[in-house]
């Protein structure tokens, strides 16, 4: 079993011997068991696994939205008991996460309204919109925007809260290939600007290798981390040149094998 530890001591999120049990049609079912995880501050980690492996469930535990049946989950050395300050989640379903009666600006401001001064709120909203390239769309309404732009609004809302950790649950899964690639590049630029930690759940092997510092693969039933793959590709990365590198292709092959998908000629 590979020890899934951060490569430095600067750890932000940690799980030890984590167990998650959910109630199924025939009683309690162990979804995750014996999960060990340590993510250092500023790291980009992707979590992969087959459908039903527990990727989203693990993310919910890290977000403080799901209680563990056993083991520990901590952020900054403190047990996670409810949503931790500084940890923000971005979901795949952007269309239902935005309030249609609010403008883009007011949607982005939602998480900080009443928590900072008006001037500070406006400054943080402007900064977040600029980071995702939506400064010119601040007064639009979500229904007038494309799916990719709506997801940028959701990401901007998270960034306006100035998180130290961004948890992302298949945020680009419902988007077309070109929009997905554009947002992948925008995300790596945002992380470079902010230095925040990103834990990214995805089904997309190429996306995981392209974005990550490490790729972690959940295996088994109940699942735990069976594979840890370090990604040491040079940053910033490029959709064409990076994906043509032998190192990228070799990593892609390793991840497919870790998922039990044979020779890597998938996706």
Protein backbone atom coordinates (compact mmCIF):
# COMPACT_ATOMS: atom_id res chain seq x y z
CA UNK A 1 0.00 0.00 0.00
CA UNK A 2 1.38 3.39 -1.02
CA UNK A 3 1.48 5.94 1.80
CA UNK A 4 -0.49 8.92 0.52
CA UNK A 5 1.39 11.73 2.26
CA UNK A 6 2.26 15.22 1.15
CA UNK A 7 5.91 15.49 0.13
CA UNK A 8 6.60 18.29 2.63
CA UNK A 9 5.60 19.04 6.20
CA UNK A 10 3.37 21.98 5.18
CA UNK A 11 0.14 20.02 5.46
CA UNK A 12 -3.29 21.54 5.22
CA UNK A 13 -5.80 18.67 4.89
CA UNK A 14 -5.27 15.32 6.57
CA UNK A 15 -7.23 12.09 6.93
CA UNK A 16 -6.12 9.11 8.97
CA UNK A 17 -7.79 5.69 8.78
CA UNK A 18 -10.96 7.43 7.58
CA UNK A 19 -14.13 5.37 7.26
CA UNK A 20 -17.35 6.53 5.61
CA UNK A 21 -20.53 4.50 5.98
CA UNK A 22 -23.76 5.36 4.18
CA UNK A 23 -27.20 3.81 4.49
CA UNK A 24 -28.16 1.75 1.45
CA UNK A 25 -31.33 -0.13 0.50
CA UNK A 26 -30.22 -3.14 2.56
CA UNK A 27 -28.59 -1.32 5.47
CA UNK A 28 -25.26 0.40 6.19
CA UNK A 29 -22.61 0.22 3.45
CA UNK A 30 -18.94 1.07 3.92
CA UNK A 31 -18.00 3.39 1.05
CA UNK A 32 -14.49 4.31 2.19
CA UNK A 33 -12.33 2.51 4.72
CA UNK A 34 -8.73 2.98 5.84
CA UNK A 35 -8.26 6.21 3.87
CA UNK A 36 -4.99 8.04 4.63
CA UNK A 37 -4.44 11.41 2.97
CA UNK A 38 -2.23 14.42 3.52
CA UNK A 39 -2.31 17.46 1.26
CA UNK A 40 0.23 20.23 1.71
CA UNK A 41 -0.60 23.92 1.44
CA UNK A 42 -0.45 25.14 -2.17
CA UNK A 43 -0.64 21.68 -3.69
CA UNK A 44 -2.93 20.62 -6.54
CA UNK A 45 -4.18 17.07 -5.94
CA UNK A 46 -6.63 15.20 -8.16
CA UNK A 47 -8.68 12.25 -6.93
CA UNK A 48 -9.81 9.61 -9.40
CA UNK A 49 -11.65 6.33 -9.11
CA UNK A 50 -14.35 4.33 -10.80
CA UNK A 51 -17.98 5.40 -10.46
CA UNK A 52 -19.21 4.82 -6.92
CA UNK A 53 -15.70 4.65 -5.46
CA UNK A 54 -16.46 7.48 -3.03
CA UNK A 55 -14.68 10.46 -4.60
CA UNK A 56 -17.49 12.94 -3.99
CA UNK A 57 -18.18 11.47 -0.55
CA UNK A 58 -14.55 12.06 0.46
CA UNK A 59 -14.75 15.63 -0.81
CA UNK A 60 -17.88 16.18 1.28
CA UNK A 61 -16.02 15.01 4.38
CA UNK A 62 -13.19 17.46 3.66
CA UNK A 63 -15.80 20.19 3.17
CA UNK A 64 -17.40 19.39 6.53
CA UNK A 65 -20.66 18.33 4.87
CA UNK A 66 -20.43 14.62 5.70
CA UNK A 67 -19.51 12.99 9.00
CA UNK A 68 -17.02 10.16 9.15
CA UNK A 69 -17.94 6.83 10.73
CA UNK A 70 -14.37 6.33 11.90
CA UNK A 71 -10.86 7.74 11.74
CA UNK A 72 -10.00 11.43 11.60
CA UNK A 73 -10.23 14.33 9.15
CA UNK A 74 -8.41 17.58 9.93
CA UNK A 75 -7.73 20.97 8.39
CA UNK A 76 -4.81 23.04 9.68
CA UNK A 77 -4.41 20.59 12.55
CA UNK A 78 -8.01 20.90 13.77
CA UNK A 79 -10.78 18.29 13.43
CA UNK A 80 -13.25 19.04 10.65
CA UNK A 81 -16.61 19.56 12.34
CA UNK A 82 -18.73 21.47 9.88
CA UNK A 83 -17.38 23.60 7.02
CA UNK A 84 -13.87 24.79 7.98
CA UNK A 85 -13.08 28.51 7.60
CA UNK A 86 -11.05 29.05 4.44
CA UNK A 87 -12.33 25.92 2.67
CA UNK A 88 -14.75 26.49 -0.22
CA UNK A 89 -16.37 23.94 -2.55
CA UNK A 90 -17.18 24.30 -6.26
CA UNK A 91 -19.64 21.78 -7.71
CA UNK A 92 -20.31 20.57 -11.24
CA UNK A 93 -23.90 21.81 -11.36
CA UNK A 94 -23.21 25.51 -11.92
CA UNK A 95 -26.70 26.23 -13.31
CA UNK A 96 -28.39 25.40 -10.00
CA UNK A 97 -25.71 26.98 -7.82
CA UNK A 98 -26.29 30.49 -9.19
CA UNK A 99 -29.25 32.68 -8.26
CA UNK A 100 -30.96 33.66 -11.54
CA UNK A 101 -32.45 36.88 -10.13
CA UNK A 102 -29.01 38.20 -9.15
CA UNK A 103 -26.50 39.72 -11.53
CA UNK A 104 -23.09 38.14 -11.95
CA UNK A 105 -21.63 40.69 -9.53
CA UNK A 106 -24.25 39.99 -6.87
CA UNK A 107 -23.85 36.23 -7.28
CA UNK A 108 -20.11 36.55 -6.77
CA UNK A 109 -20.67 38.72 -3.70
CA UNK A 110 -23.03 36.22 -2.06
CA UNK A 111 -20.47 34.51 0.18
CA UNK A 112 -19.06 37.71 1.67
CA UNK A 113 -22.12 39.92 2.00
CA UNK A 114 -22.42 41.26 5.53
CA UNK A 115 -19.00 39.88 6.46
CA UNK A 116 -16.81 42.70 5.10
CA UNK A 117 -17.31 46.38 4.40
CA UNK A 118 -19.02 47.44 1.18
CA UNK A 119 -15.74 48.77 -0.21
CA UNK A 120 -13.91 45.54 0.67
CA UNK A 121 -16.72 43.46 -0.81
CA UNK A 122 -16.61 45.38 -4.09
CA UNK A 123 -12.82 45.09 -4.22
CA UNK A 124 -12.86 41.32 -3.65
CA UNK A 125 -15.63 40.82 -6.22
CA UNK A 126 -13.77 42.88 -8.83
CA UNK A 127 -10.57 40.96 -8.17
CA UNK A 128 -12.33 37.58 -8.45
CA UNK A 129 -14.12 38.55 -11.67
CA UNK A 130 -10.84 39.72 -13.18
CA UNK A 131 -9.14 36.42 -12.31
CA UNK A 132 -11.73 34.43 -14.27
CA UNK A 133 -12.00 36.92 -17.14
CA UNK A 134 -15.53 38.13 -16.40
CA UNK A 135 -14.90 41.77 -15.54
CA UNK A 136 -16.99 42.88 -18.52
CA UNK A 137 -19.95 40.69 -17.59
CA UNK A 138 -20.51 41.87 -14.02
CA UNK A 139 -23.98 43.28 -14.72
CA UNK A 140 -25.26 40.36 -16.79
CA UNK A 141 -27.61 37.70 -15.45
CA UNK A 142 -26.59 34.02 -15.37
CA UNK A 143 -29.21 32.86 -17.88
CA UNK A 144 -27.62 35.10 -20.50
CA UNK A 145 -24.25 33.38 -20.15
CA UNK A 146 -22.86 30.20 -21.66
CA UNK A 147 -22.28 27.15 -19.48
CA UNK A 148 -18.56 27.88 -19.32
CA UNK A 149 -19.17 31.46 -18.25
CA UNK A 150 -21.66 30.34 -15.59
CA UNK A 151 -19.03 28.01 -14.17
CA UNK A 152 -16.56 30.91 -14.13
CA UNK A 153 -19.11 32.84 -12.04
CA UNK A 154 -19.28 29.98 -9.54
CA UNK A 155 -15.48 29.86 -9.37
CA UNK A 156 -15.33 33.64 -8.97
CA UNK A 157 -17.80 33.43 -6.08
CA UNK A 158 -15.48 30.97 -4.39
CA UNK A 159 -12.41 33.14 -5.07
CA UNK A 160 -14.13 36.23 -3.67
CA UNK A 161 -14.14 34.48 -0.30
CA UNK A 162 -10.33 34.28 -0.51
CA UNK A 163 -10.13 30.59 0.37
CA UNK A 164 -6.93 28.85 1.32
CA UNK A 165 -8.40 25.56 0.02
CA UNK A 166 -10.62 25.05 -3.02
CA UNK A 167 -12.46 21.71 -3.22
CA UNK A 168 -13.74 21.01 -6.74
CA UNK A 169 -16.19 18.22 -7.58
CA UNK A 170 -15.96 17.54 -11.32
CA UNK A 171 -16.33 21.26 -12.02
CA UNK A 172 -15.76 20.95 -15.78
CA UNK A 173 -17.49 17.60 -16.33
CA UNK A 174 -20.58 19.02 -18.05
CA UNK A 175 -18.69 21.32 -20.43
CA UNK A 176 -17.60 20.80 -24.01
CA UNK A 177 -13.95 19.96 -24.71
CA UNK A 178 -12.81 23.44 -25.80
CA UNK A 179 -14.50 25.19 -22.87
CA UNK A 180 -13.10 22.60 -20.48
CA UNK A 181 -9.54 23.20 -21.71
CA UNK A 182 -9.97 26.96 -21.42
CA UNK A 183 -11.14 26.66 -17.82
CA UNK A 184 -8.36 24.22 -16.96
CA UNK A 185 -5.83 26.82 -18.06
CA UNK A 186 -7.64 29.56 -16.20
CA UNK A 187 -7.65 27.45 -13.05
CA UNK A 188 -3.91 26.83 -13.16
CA UNK A 189 -3.36 30.58 -13.66
CA UNK A 190 -5.60 31.37 -10.67
CA UNK A 191 -3.75 28.89 -8.50
CA UNK A 192 -0.42 30.38 -9.54
CA UNK A 193 -1.72 33.84 -8.57
CA UNK A 194 -3.27 32.86 -5.23
CA UNK A 195 -1.14 29.94 -4.05
CA UNK A 196 -4.26 28.17 -2.79
CA UNK A 197 -4.57 24.43 -2.27
CA UNK A 198 -6.82 22.60 -4.73
CA UNK A 199 -8.36 19.15 -4.25
CA UNK A 200 -9.97 18.21 -7.55
CA UNK A 201 -12.33 15.27 -8.15
CA UNK A 202 -12.58 14.18 -11.77
CA UNK A 203 -13.28 11.20 -14.05
CA UNK A 204 -11.01 12.67 -16.74
CA UNK A 205 -7.52 11.10 -16.68
CA UNK A 206 -5.98 13.65 -19.05
CA UNK A 207 -7.41 16.53 -17.01
CA UNK A 208 -5.99 15.07 -13.79
CA UNK A 209 -2.49 14.60 -15.21
CA UNK A 210 -2.50 18.01 -16.89
CA UNK A 211 -3.51 19.98 -13.79
CA UNK A 212 -2.04 18.12 -10.86
CA UNK A 213 1.03 17.86 -8.68
CA UNK A 214 -0.21 14.43 -7.57
CA UNK A 215 -2.91 12.06 -8.77
CA UNK A 216 -4.51 9.78 -6.16
CA UNK A 217 -6.57 6.78 -7.24
CA UNK A 218 -9.26 5.18 -5.06
CA UNK A 219 -9.48 1.41 -5.49
CA UNK A 220 -11.40 -1.48 -3.93
CA UNK A 221 -14.78 -1.85 -2.23
CA UNK A 222 -14.84 -0.20 0.26
CA UNK A 223 -12.32 2.09 -1.37
CA UNK A 224 -9.04 3.49 -0.17
CA UNK A 225 -6.07 5.03 -1.94
CA UNK A 226 -4.25 2.30 -3.79
CA UNK A 227 -2.08 4.44 -6.05
CA UNK A 228 -0.15 7.70 -5.70
CA UNK A 229 1.32 9.18 -8.87
CA UNK A 230 3.60 12.23 -8.69
CA UNK A 231 3.30 14.63 -11.62
CA UNK A 232 6.50 16.61 -12.13
CA UNK A 233 5.67 18.27 -15.41
CA UNK A 234 7.02 21.81 -15.76
CA UNK A 235 4.63 24.70 -15.10
CA UNK A 236 2.94 26.63 -16.61
CA UNK A 237 1.50 23.85 -18.73
CA UNK A 238 0.22 24.08 -22.28
CA UNK A 239 -2.65 22.11 -23.80
CA UNK A 240 -0.57 21.19 -26.86
CA UNK A 241 3.10 21.11 -25.93
CA UNK A 242 2.62 19.58 -22.47
CA UNK A 243 0.40 16.81 -23.82
CA UNK A 244 2.98 15.97 -26.48
CA UNK A 245 5.71 15.34 -23.93
CA UNK A 246 6.76 11.69 -23.40
CA UNK A 247 6.55 12.29 -19.63
CA UNK A 248 2.90 13.33 -19.92
CA UNK A 249 2.02 10.34 -22.07
CA UNK A 250 3.78 7.98 -19.65
CA UNK A 251 1.90 9.47 -16.68
CA UNK A 252 -1.39 9.19 -18.54
CA UNK A 253 -0.65 5.51 -19.18
CA UNK A 254 0.16 4.92 -15.48
CA UNK A 255 -3.12 6.48 -14.34
CA UNK A 256 -5.17 4.40 -16.78
CA UNK A 257 -3.43 1.27 -15.51
CA UNK A 258 -4.08 2.31 -11.90
CA UNK A 259 -7.78 2.58 -12.76
CA UNK A 260 -7.68 -0.93 -14.23
CA UNK A 261 -8.24 0.30 -17.77
CA UNK A 262 -5.52 -1.75 -19.40
CA UNK A 263 -3.17 -0.28 -21.95
CA UNK A 264 -4.18 3.35 -21.55
CA UNK A 265 -5.86 3.61 -24.95
CA UNK A 266 -9.00 5.07 -23.40
CA UNK A 267 -10.53 8.53 -23.27
